N, C-alpha and C. Protein backbone atom coordinates (compact mmCIF):
# COMPACT_ATOMS: atom_id res chain seq x y z
N MET A 1 0.82 -1.19 0.00
CA MET A 1 0.00 0.00 0.00
C MET A 1 0.87 1.26 0.00
N ALA A 2 1.99 1.23 0.69
CA ALA A 2 2.87 2.39 0.74
C ALA A 2 3.43 2.72 -0.63
N GLU A 3 3.70 1.66 -1.42
CA GLU A 3 4.24 1.91 -2.76
C GLU A 3 3.24 2.65 -3.64
N ILE A 4 1.99 2.34 -3.52
CA ILE A 4 0.97 3.01 -4.32
C ILE A 4 0.87 4.48 -3.92
N GLU A 5 0.92 4.77 -2.63
CA GLU A 5 0.85 6.15 -2.16
C GLU A 5 2.07 6.93 -2.64
N LEU A 6 3.24 6.33 -2.61
CA LEU A 6 4.45 7.03 -3.07
C LEU A 6 4.37 7.31 -4.56
N ALA A 7 3.86 6.35 -5.32
CA ALA A 7 3.77 6.55 -6.76
C ALA A 7 2.77 7.64 -7.10
N ALA A 8 1.70 7.76 -6.33
CA ALA A 8 0.67 8.77 -6.61
C ALA A 8 1.08 10.15 -6.11
N ALA A 9 1.93 10.22 -5.13
CA ALA A 9 2.28 11.50 -4.53
C ALA A 9 2.88 12.51 -5.53
N PRO A 10 3.82 12.10 -6.37
CA PRO A 10 4.40 13.11 -7.27
C PRO A 10 3.36 13.77 -8.17
N LYS A 11 2.35 13.02 -8.64
CA LYS A 11 1.32 13.64 -9.48
C LYS A 11 0.55 14.70 -8.71
N ALA A 12 0.21 14.42 -7.48
CA ALA A 12 -0.55 15.36 -6.67
C ALA A 12 0.28 16.59 -6.33
N GLU A 13 1.60 16.41 -6.20
CA GLU A 13 2.46 17.52 -5.80
C GLU A 13 2.98 18.34 -6.98
N ARG A 14 2.70 17.90 -8.20
CA ARG A 14 3.19 18.67 -9.34
C ARG A 14 2.62 20.08 -9.31
N ALA A 15 3.51 21.02 -9.44
CA ALA A 15 3.07 22.42 -9.43
C ALA A 15 2.51 22.80 -10.80
N LYS A 16 1.53 23.69 -10.78
CA LYS A 16 1.01 24.22 -12.03
C LYS A 16 2.13 25.03 -12.68
N PRO A 17 2.20 25.03 -14.00
CA PRO A 17 3.21 25.87 -14.62
C PRO A 17 2.94 27.34 -14.29
N ALA A 18 4.00 28.09 -14.10
CA ALA A 18 3.85 29.52 -13.77
C ALA A 18 3.19 30.25 -14.93
N GLU A 19 2.29 31.19 -14.60
CA GLU A 19 1.66 32.01 -15.64
C GLU A 19 2.72 32.95 -16.20
N LEU A 20 2.88 32.91 -17.51
CA LEU A 20 3.91 33.72 -18.16
C LEU A 20 3.32 34.99 -18.74
N VAL A 21 4.11 36.04 -18.75
CA VAL A 21 3.73 37.32 -19.33
C VAL A 21 4.74 37.63 -20.43
N GLN A 22 4.23 38.02 -21.59
CA GLN A 22 5.11 38.43 -22.69
C GLN A 22 5.09 39.95 -22.76
N LEU A 23 6.29 40.53 -22.78
CA LEU A 23 6.44 41.99 -22.85
C LEU A 23 7.18 42.36 -24.12
N ILE A 24 6.95 43.59 -24.56
CA ILE A 24 7.82 44.22 -25.56
C ILE A 24 8.63 45.22 -24.74
N VAL A 25 9.95 45.07 -24.75
CA VAL A 25 10.84 45.86 -23.89
C VAL A 25 11.63 46.85 -24.74
N PHE A 26 11.77 48.07 -24.22
CA PHE A 26 12.51 49.13 -24.91
C PHE A 26 13.18 50.02 -23.86
N ARG A 27 14.15 50.81 -24.29
CA ARG A 27 14.87 51.70 -23.37
C ARG A 27 14.29 53.09 -23.44
N LEU A 28 14.12 53.69 -22.28
CA LEU A 28 13.79 55.11 -22.14
C LEU A 28 14.83 55.67 -21.21
N GLY A 29 15.57 56.68 -21.66
CA GLY A 29 16.69 57.15 -20.86
C GLY A 29 17.68 56.01 -20.75
N ASP A 30 18.01 55.62 -19.54
CA ASP A 30 18.95 54.52 -19.33
C ASP A 30 18.29 53.31 -18.68
N GLU A 31 16.95 53.25 -18.73
CA GLU A 31 16.23 52.17 -18.08
C GLU A 31 15.42 51.36 -19.09
N ASP A 32 15.10 50.12 -18.70
CA ASP A 32 14.26 49.25 -19.52
C ASP A 32 12.81 49.39 -19.09
N TYR A 33 11.94 49.57 -20.08
CA TYR A 33 10.50 49.65 -19.87
C TYR A 33 9.85 48.57 -20.72
N GLY A 34 8.69 48.11 -20.29
CA GLY A 34 8.00 47.09 -21.05
C GLY A 34 6.51 47.32 -21.04
N ILE A 35 5.85 46.80 -22.06
CA ILE A 35 4.40 46.79 -22.11
C ILE A 35 3.97 45.39 -22.54
N ARG A 36 2.82 44.98 -22.06
CA ARG A 36 2.33 43.65 -22.40
C ARG A 36 2.13 43.55 -23.91
N ILE A 37 2.52 42.43 -24.45
CA ILE A 37 2.49 42.23 -25.90
C ILE A 37 1.07 42.35 -26.45
N GLU A 38 0.06 42.02 -25.64
CA GLU A 38 -1.31 42.11 -26.15
C GLU A 38 -1.77 43.55 -26.34
N GLN A 39 -1.03 44.52 -25.79
CA GLN A 39 -1.36 45.93 -26.00
C GLN A 39 -0.64 46.50 -27.23
N VAL A 40 0.26 45.71 -27.83
CA VAL A 40 1.06 46.19 -28.96
C VAL A 40 0.43 45.75 -30.28
N LYS A 41 0.21 46.71 -31.16
CA LYS A 41 -0.34 46.42 -32.47
C LYS A 41 0.78 46.06 -33.45
N GLU A 42 1.86 46.85 -33.44
CA GLU A 42 3.02 46.59 -34.30
C GLU A 42 4.20 47.43 -33.87
N VAL A 43 5.37 47.09 -34.40
CA VAL A 43 6.60 47.86 -34.21
C VAL A 43 7.14 48.15 -35.59
N THR A 44 7.50 49.41 -35.84
CA THR A 44 7.99 49.80 -37.15
C THR A 44 8.98 50.95 -37.02
N VAL A 45 9.73 51.21 -38.10
CA VAL A 45 10.57 52.40 -38.14
C VAL A 45 9.62 53.59 -38.10
N THR A 46 9.95 54.62 -37.33
CA THR A 46 9.06 55.77 -37.19
C THR A 46 8.81 56.42 -38.55
N PRO A 47 7.53 56.53 -38.93
CA PRO A 47 7.22 57.19 -40.20
C PRO A 47 7.40 58.71 -40.06
N GLU A 48 7.21 59.41 -41.16
CA GLU A 48 7.30 60.87 -41.13
C GLU A 48 6.22 61.41 -40.21
N VAL A 49 6.61 62.32 -39.31
CA VAL A 49 5.70 62.86 -38.31
C VAL A 49 5.38 64.31 -38.64
N ALA A 50 4.09 64.64 -38.70
CA ALA A 50 3.64 66.01 -38.94
C ALA A 50 3.30 66.64 -37.59
N ARG A 51 3.96 67.74 -37.26
CA ARG A 51 3.74 68.44 -35.99
C ARG A 51 2.34 69.03 -35.98
N MET A 52 1.68 69.00 -34.84
CA MET A 52 0.33 69.53 -34.71
C MET A 52 0.32 70.67 -33.70
N PRO A 53 -0.46 71.72 -33.97
CA PRO A 53 -0.52 72.84 -33.03
C PRO A 53 -1.30 72.48 -31.77
N LYS A 54 -1.00 73.19 -30.70
CA LYS A 54 -1.73 73.10 -29.43
C LYS A 54 -1.74 71.69 -28.83
N THR A 55 -0.65 70.97 -28.99
CA THR A 55 -0.52 69.67 -28.35
C THR A 55 0.61 69.76 -27.33
N PRO A 56 0.58 68.93 -26.31
CA PRO A 56 1.67 68.94 -25.32
C PRO A 56 3.00 68.63 -26.01
N PRO A 57 4.11 69.12 -25.47
CA PRO A 57 5.42 68.92 -26.11
C PRO A 57 5.80 67.46 -26.32
N PHE A 58 5.31 66.55 -25.46
CA PHE A 58 5.68 65.14 -25.62
C PHE A 58 4.92 64.47 -26.76
N ILE A 59 3.88 65.11 -27.28
CA ILE A 59 3.20 64.59 -28.47
C ILE A 59 3.91 65.22 -29.67
N LYS A 60 4.65 64.39 -30.38
CA LYS A 60 5.51 64.87 -31.46
C LYS A 60 4.70 65.23 -32.70
N GLY A 61 3.49 64.71 -32.82
CA GLY A 61 2.65 65.01 -33.96
C GLY A 61 1.85 63.78 -34.35
N ILE A 62 1.50 63.72 -35.64
CA ILE A 62 0.73 62.59 -36.14
C ILE A 62 1.49 61.95 -37.29
N ALA A 63 1.17 60.69 -37.53
CA ALA A 63 1.80 59.96 -38.62
C ALA A 63 0.77 59.02 -39.25
N ASN A 64 1.01 58.70 -40.50
CA ASN A 64 0.18 57.74 -41.22
C ASN A 64 0.84 56.38 -41.06
N LEU A 65 0.19 55.51 -40.31
CA LEU A 65 0.73 54.18 -40.08
C LEU A 65 -0.21 53.17 -40.73
N ARG A 66 0.17 52.73 -41.91
CA ARG A 66 -0.61 51.76 -42.68
C ARG A 66 -2.07 52.19 -42.88
N GLY A 67 -2.24 53.49 -43.18
CA GLY A 67 -3.58 54.01 -43.45
C GLY A 67 -4.29 54.58 -42.24
N ASP A 68 -3.76 54.35 -41.03
CA ASP A 68 -4.34 54.92 -39.81
C ASP A 68 -3.53 56.14 -39.39
N ILE A 69 -4.21 57.24 -39.07
CA ILE A 69 -3.54 58.42 -38.55
C ILE A 69 -3.47 58.26 -37.03
N ILE A 70 -2.25 58.25 -36.49
CA ILE A 70 -2.07 58.06 -35.05
C ILE A 70 -1.18 59.16 -34.49
N ALA A 71 -1.35 59.46 -33.21
CA ALA A 71 -0.50 60.41 -32.50
C ALA A 71 0.80 59.70 -32.13
N ILE A 72 1.92 60.41 -32.28
CA ILE A 72 3.24 59.86 -31.93
C ILE A 72 3.71 60.55 -30.65
N LEU A 73 3.99 59.76 -29.61
CA LEU A 73 4.44 60.28 -28.33
C LEU A 73 5.90 59.96 -28.09
N ASP A 74 6.58 60.87 -27.44
CA ASP A 74 7.96 60.67 -27.01
C ASP A 74 7.91 60.45 -25.50
N LEU A 75 7.99 59.18 -25.08
CA LEU A 75 7.88 58.87 -23.65
C LEU A 75 9.08 59.37 -22.85
N GLU A 76 10.25 59.48 -23.48
CA GLU A 76 11.40 60.04 -22.75
C GLU A 76 11.08 61.48 -22.34
N GLU A 77 10.44 62.21 -23.22
CA GLU A 77 10.06 63.58 -22.89
C GLU A 77 8.89 63.60 -21.90
N ARG A 78 7.92 62.73 -22.09
CA ARG A 78 6.76 62.67 -21.19
C ARG A 78 7.19 62.39 -19.76
N PHE A 79 8.13 61.46 -19.60
CA PHE A 79 8.60 61.08 -18.26
C PHE A 79 9.85 61.86 -17.81
N ARG A 80 10.32 62.80 -18.64
CA ARG A 80 11.53 63.59 -18.36
C ARG A 80 12.73 62.68 -18.08
N LEU A 81 12.98 61.74 -19.01
CA LEU A 81 14.04 60.75 -18.84
C LEU A 81 15.22 60.95 -19.78
N ARG A 82 15.12 61.84 -20.76
CA ARG A 82 16.21 61.99 -21.72
C ARG A 82 17.37 62.70 -21.03
N PRO A 83 18.53 62.06 -20.99
CA PRO A 83 19.69 62.71 -20.40
C PRO A 83 20.00 64.02 -21.13
N ALA A 84 20.43 65.03 -20.37
CA ALA A 84 20.73 66.34 -20.94
C ALA A 84 21.74 66.21 -22.07
N GLY A 85 21.46 66.87 -23.16
CA GLY A 85 22.39 66.87 -24.28
C GLY A 85 22.24 65.69 -25.22
N ARG A 86 21.42 64.70 -24.88
CA ARG A 86 21.26 63.55 -25.77
C ARG A 86 20.17 63.88 -26.79
N PRO A 87 20.55 64.04 -28.05
CA PRO A 87 19.55 64.37 -29.07
C PRO A 87 18.74 63.13 -29.45
N LEU A 88 17.63 63.37 -30.14
CA LEU A 88 16.87 62.25 -30.69
C LEU A 88 17.72 61.59 -31.77
N PRO A 89 17.68 60.29 -31.91
CA PRO A 89 18.46 59.63 -32.95
C PRO A 89 17.89 59.94 -34.33
N GLU A 90 18.76 59.80 -35.34
CA GLU A 90 18.30 60.02 -36.71
C GLU A 90 17.19 59.06 -37.08
N ARG A 91 17.32 57.82 -36.64
CA ARG A 91 16.31 56.80 -36.90
C ARG A 91 15.76 56.33 -35.55
N SER A 92 14.45 56.34 -35.45
CA SER A 92 13.81 55.82 -34.24
C SER A 92 12.76 54.80 -34.66
N TYR A 93 12.19 54.16 -33.68
CA TYR A 93 11.19 53.13 -33.92
C TYR A 93 9.91 53.52 -33.22
N THR A 94 8.81 53.05 -33.75
CA THR A 94 7.51 53.35 -33.16
C THR A 94 6.84 52.05 -32.76
N VAL A 95 6.42 52.01 -31.50
CA VAL A 95 5.64 50.89 -30.99
C VAL A 95 4.19 51.38 -31.02
N ALA A 96 3.39 50.82 -31.90
CA ALA A 96 1.97 51.19 -31.97
C ALA A 96 1.22 50.38 -30.93
N VAL A 97 0.58 51.09 -29.99
CA VAL A 97 -0.15 50.43 -28.91
C VAL A 97 -1.62 50.82 -28.97
N GLU A 98 -2.45 49.88 -28.56
CA GLU A 98 -3.89 50.12 -28.62
C GLU A 98 -4.47 50.27 -27.23
N ALA A 99 -5.23 51.34 -27.06
CA ALA A 99 -6.04 51.52 -25.86
C ALA A 99 -7.48 51.25 -26.28
N ALA A 100 -8.41 51.51 -25.40
CA ALA A 100 -9.81 51.16 -25.68
C ALA A 100 -10.33 51.80 -26.97
N ASP A 101 -10.11 53.10 -27.15
CA ASP A 101 -10.71 53.77 -28.30
C ASP A 101 -9.70 54.60 -29.11
N TYR A 102 -8.44 54.31 -28.99
CA TYR A 102 -7.44 55.01 -29.79
C TYR A 102 -6.17 54.18 -29.88
N THR A 103 -5.36 54.50 -30.88
CA THR A 103 -4.04 53.87 -31.05
C THR A 103 -3.00 54.97 -30.95
N LEU A 104 -1.93 54.70 -30.24
CA LEU A 104 -0.82 55.64 -30.08
C LEU A 104 0.44 55.04 -30.64
N GLY A 105 1.35 55.88 -31.08
CA GLY A 105 2.68 55.45 -31.47
C GLY A 105 3.67 55.94 -30.43
N LEU A 106 4.42 55.04 -29.85
CA LEU A 106 5.44 55.41 -28.87
C LEU A 106 6.80 55.40 -29.55
N MET A 107 7.46 56.54 -29.58
CA MET A 107 8.75 56.66 -30.23
C MET A 107 9.83 56.16 -29.27
N VAL A 108 10.66 55.21 -29.73
CA VAL A 108 11.76 54.68 -28.92
C VAL A 108 13.04 54.67 -29.75
N ARG A 109 14.18 54.70 -29.07
CA ARG A 109 15.48 54.82 -29.74
C ARG A 109 15.95 53.55 -30.42
N GLU A 110 15.72 52.43 -29.77
CA GLU A 110 16.28 51.16 -30.25
C GLU A 110 15.15 50.21 -30.62
N VAL A 111 15.49 49.20 -31.40
CA VAL A 111 14.51 48.19 -31.77
C VAL A 111 14.01 47.52 -30.49
N PRO A 112 12.70 47.57 -30.22
CA PRO A 112 12.17 46.88 -29.04
C PRO A 112 12.35 45.37 -29.18
N ARG A 113 12.43 44.69 -28.04
CA ARG A 113 12.66 43.24 -28.07
C ARG A 113 11.60 42.53 -27.23
N PRO A 114 11.24 41.32 -27.64
CA PRO A 114 10.28 40.56 -26.83
C PRO A 114 10.97 39.97 -25.61
N PHE A 115 10.22 39.79 -24.55
CA PHE A 115 10.77 39.24 -23.31
C PHE A 115 9.64 38.52 -22.59
N THR A 116 9.88 37.30 -22.15
CA THR A 116 8.89 36.52 -21.43
C THR A 116 9.38 36.26 -20.02
N LEU A 117 8.49 36.43 -19.04
CA LEU A 117 8.85 36.18 -17.66
C LEU A 117 7.62 35.71 -16.90
N PRO A 118 7.82 35.05 -15.77
CA PRO A 118 6.68 34.64 -14.95
C PRO A 118 5.98 35.86 -14.35
N LEU A 119 4.65 35.81 -14.33
CA LEU A 119 3.86 36.90 -13.76
C LEU A 119 4.29 37.19 -12.32
N SER A 120 4.74 36.17 -11.61
CA SER A 120 5.14 36.32 -10.21
C SER A 120 6.35 37.24 -10.04
N GLN A 121 7.09 37.50 -11.13
CA GLN A 121 8.25 38.40 -11.04
C GLN A 121 7.86 39.87 -11.15
N ILE A 122 6.59 40.16 -11.46
CA ILE A 122 6.14 41.56 -11.54
C ILE A 122 5.47 41.92 -10.22
N GLU A 123 6.08 42.88 -9.53
CA GLU A 123 5.54 43.34 -8.25
C GLU A 123 4.86 44.68 -8.44
N PRO A 124 3.85 44.99 -7.63
CA PRO A 124 3.20 46.30 -7.75
C PRO A 124 4.21 47.43 -7.57
N ALA A 125 4.00 48.51 -8.33
CA ALA A 125 4.89 49.67 -8.21
C ALA A 125 4.58 50.41 -6.91
N PRO A 126 5.61 50.82 -6.19
CA PRO A 126 5.37 51.60 -4.96
C PRO A 126 4.64 52.90 -5.28
N GLU A 127 3.78 53.34 -4.40
CA GLU A 127 3.00 54.57 -4.61
C GLU A 127 3.88 55.78 -4.89
N PHE A 128 5.04 55.88 -4.23
CA PHE A 128 5.87 57.07 -4.38
C PHE A 128 6.47 57.22 -5.77
N VAL A 129 6.47 56.16 -6.60
CA VAL A 129 7.02 56.31 -7.95
C VAL A 129 5.94 56.62 -8.97
N GLN A 130 4.68 56.66 -8.55
CA GLN A 130 3.60 57.00 -9.47
C GLN A 130 3.47 58.52 -9.56
N ASP A 131 2.99 59.01 -10.69
CA ASP A 131 2.78 60.43 -10.92
C ASP A 131 1.59 60.87 -10.07
N ALA A 132 1.84 61.72 -9.08
CA ALA A 132 0.79 62.13 -8.16
C ALA A 132 -0.34 62.88 -8.86
N GLY A 133 -0.06 63.52 -9.99
CA GLY A 133 -1.08 64.28 -10.70
C GLY A 133 -1.96 63.42 -11.58
N THR A 134 -1.68 62.15 -11.69
CA THR A 134 -2.44 61.27 -12.56
C THR A 134 -3.40 60.44 -11.73
N ARG A 135 -4.67 60.49 -12.08
CA ARG A 135 -5.69 59.78 -11.32
C ARG A 135 -5.49 58.27 -11.42
N ASP A 136 -5.34 57.77 -12.63
CA ASP A 136 -5.10 56.34 -12.82
C ASP A 136 -3.60 56.09 -12.87
N LYS A 137 -3.17 55.06 -12.21
CA LYS A 137 -1.74 54.76 -12.15
C LYS A 137 -1.32 53.99 -13.40
N TYR A 138 -0.35 54.51 -14.14
CA TYR A 138 0.05 53.91 -15.42
C TYR A 138 1.19 52.92 -15.29
N LEU A 139 1.71 52.71 -14.10
CA LEU A 139 2.72 51.68 -13.91
C LEU A 139 2.02 50.41 -13.44
N GLU A 140 2.12 49.36 -14.24
CA GLU A 140 1.53 48.08 -13.83
C GLU A 140 2.35 47.47 -12.71
N GLY A 141 3.67 47.62 -12.82
CA GLY A 141 4.53 47.06 -11.78
C GLY A 141 5.99 47.11 -12.18
N ILE A 142 6.80 46.49 -11.35
CA ILE A 142 8.24 46.42 -11.57
C ILE A 142 8.62 44.94 -11.67
N ALA A 143 9.21 44.57 -12.79
CA ALA A 143 9.65 43.18 -12.97
C ALA A 143 11.09 43.05 -12.49
N LYS A 144 11.28 42.16 -11.52
CA LYS A 144 12.63 41.90 -11.01
C LYS A 144 13.21 40.75 -11.80
N LEU A 145 14.36 40.98 -12.41
CA LEU A 145 15.00 39.96 -13.23
C LEU A 145 15.97 39.14 -12.38
N PRO A 146 16.13 37.86 -12.71
CA PRO A 146 17.02 36.99 -11.92
C PRO A 146 18.46 37.52 -11.85
N GLU A 147 18.93 38.17 -12.92
CA GLU A 147 20.31 38.66 -12.92
C GLU A 147 20.46 40.00 -12.20
N GLY A 148 19.37 40.50 -11.61
CA GLY A 148 19.47 41.70 -10.79
C GLY A 148 18.89 42.96 -11.40
N GLY A 149 18.57 42.97 -12.68
CA GLY A 149 18.01 44.16 -13.31
C GLY A 149 16.50 44.25 -13.07
N ILE A 150 15.94 45.33 -13.59
CA ILE A 150 14.49 45.51 -13.50
C ILE A 150 13.94 45.97 -14.84
N ILE A 151 12.67 45.72 -15.05
CA ILE A 151 11.93 46.27 -16.18
C ILE A 151 10.71 46.96 -15.58
N ILE A 152 10.52 48.22 -15.92
CA ILE A 152 9.37 48.98 -15.45
C ILE A 152 8.23 48.69 -16.43
N VAL A 153 7.16 48.07 -15.93
CA VAL A 153 6.06 47.63 -16.79
C VAL A 153 4.96 48.69 -16.79
N LEU A 154 4.66 49.21 -17.98
CA LEU A 154 3.65 50.25 -18.14
C LEU A 154 2.30 49.65 -18.51
N ASP A 155 1.24 50.27 -18.04
CA ASP A 155 -0.11 49.93 -18.48
C ASP A 155 -0.52 51.01 -19.47
N MET A 156 -0.45 50.70 -20.74
CA MET A 156 -0.66 51.70 -21.78
C MET A 156 -2.07 52.28 -21.76
N ARG A 157 -3.04 51.53 -21.26
CA ARG A 157 -4.41 52.05 -21.23
C ARG A 157 -4.55 53.19 -20.24
N LYS A 158 -3.60 53.33 -19.33
CA LYS A 158 -3.69 54.38 -18.30
C LYS A 158 -2.59 55.42 -18.45
N LEU A 159 -1.84 55.37 -19.54
CA LEU A 159 -0.70 56.28 -19.71
C LEU A 159 -1.12 57.74 -19.80
N LEU A 160 -2.22 58.00 -20.49
CA LEU A 160 -2.69 59.38 -20.66
C LEU A 160 -3.91 59.62 -19.78
N THR A 161 -4.02 60.84 -19.27
CA THR A 161 -5.21 61.22 -18.53
C THR A 161 -6.36 61.43 -19.52
N PRO A 162 -7.61 61.39 -19.05
CA PRO A 162 -8.73 61.64 -19.98
C PRO A 162 -8.60 62.97 -20.71
N SER A 163 -8.13 64.02 -20.04
CA SER A 163 -7.99 65.31 -20.73
C SER A 163 -6.89 65.26 -21.78
N GLU A 164 -5.82 64.48 -21.53
CA GLU A 164 -4.77 64.33 -22.55
C GLU A 164 -5.28 63.55 -23.74
N VAL A 165 -6.12 62.54 -23.50
CA VAL A 165 -6.71 61.78 -24.60
C VAL A 165 -7.52 62.70 -25.50
N LEU A 166 -8.30 63.58 -24.88
CA LEU A 166 -9.11 64.51 -25.66
C LEU A 166 -8.26 65.48 -26.47
N ARG A 167 -7.04 65.75 -26.02
CA ARG A 167 -6.14 66.66 -26.73
C ARG A 167 -5.34 65.97 -27.83
N LEU A 168 -5.48 64.65 -27.95
CA LEU A 168 -4.77 63.95 -29.02
C LEU A 168 -5.26 64.46 -30.36
N PRO A 169 -4.36 64.60 -31.32
CA PRO A 169 -4.79 65.00 -32.66
C PRO A 169 -5.87 64.05 -33.17
N GLY A 170 -6.99 64.62 -33.61
CA GLY A 170 -8.07 63.81 -34.15
C GLY A 170 -9.07 63.34 -33.09
N LYS A 171 -8.79 63.53 -31.78
CA LYS A 171 -9.70 63.06 -30.73
C LYS A 171 -10.55 64.18 -30.16
N GLY A 172 -10.08 65.43 -30.27
CA GLY A 172 -10.80 66.56 -29.67
C GLY A 172 -12.03 66.94 -30.45
N ALA A 173 -12.81 67.83 -29.90
CA ALA A 173 -14.01 68.30 -30.57
C ALA A 173 -13.63 69.16 -31.77
N SER A 174 -14.36 69.06 -32.83
CA SER A 174 -14.10 69.86 -34.02
C SER A 174 -14.55 71.29 -33.76
N SER A 175 -13.74 72.26 -34.23
CA SER A 175 -14.14 73.64 -34.05
C SER A 175 -14.45 74.28 -35.35
């Protein structure tokens, strides 16, 4: 009888596989940031950007991305992460991300890369690192990597405030 119990025990003790999260990771300033892959529509070389009047400085303008007109944001400028004196690169990349009712292009310096990690490695972001002026918190969490680094995980659906969404080119009321 003991042999049967021992043989059955390993099946009962098998752990469920860890839930995995796939991120698209890119650098802002000198840090790694990531967004969940399901929020990413595509990654491409940044198309020609047309500047728009009366938009916040971090909104670089609009671009035609495969027939869709989208706002292009510079997250380094939005988060004030660009080191002093570091110009924008000649070639940048755009991560097109989808929120509930709009698509944004996030301008990044380097080709973004996919990264998979267990959900358990993403911890909630401490309150003190969230933007106090933003009602919804746009940091999903901080991913601790086994080799000691971190990836700051953004929730793209909460990146802009409702008033900023309304100020996006093409989203505001027509005058």
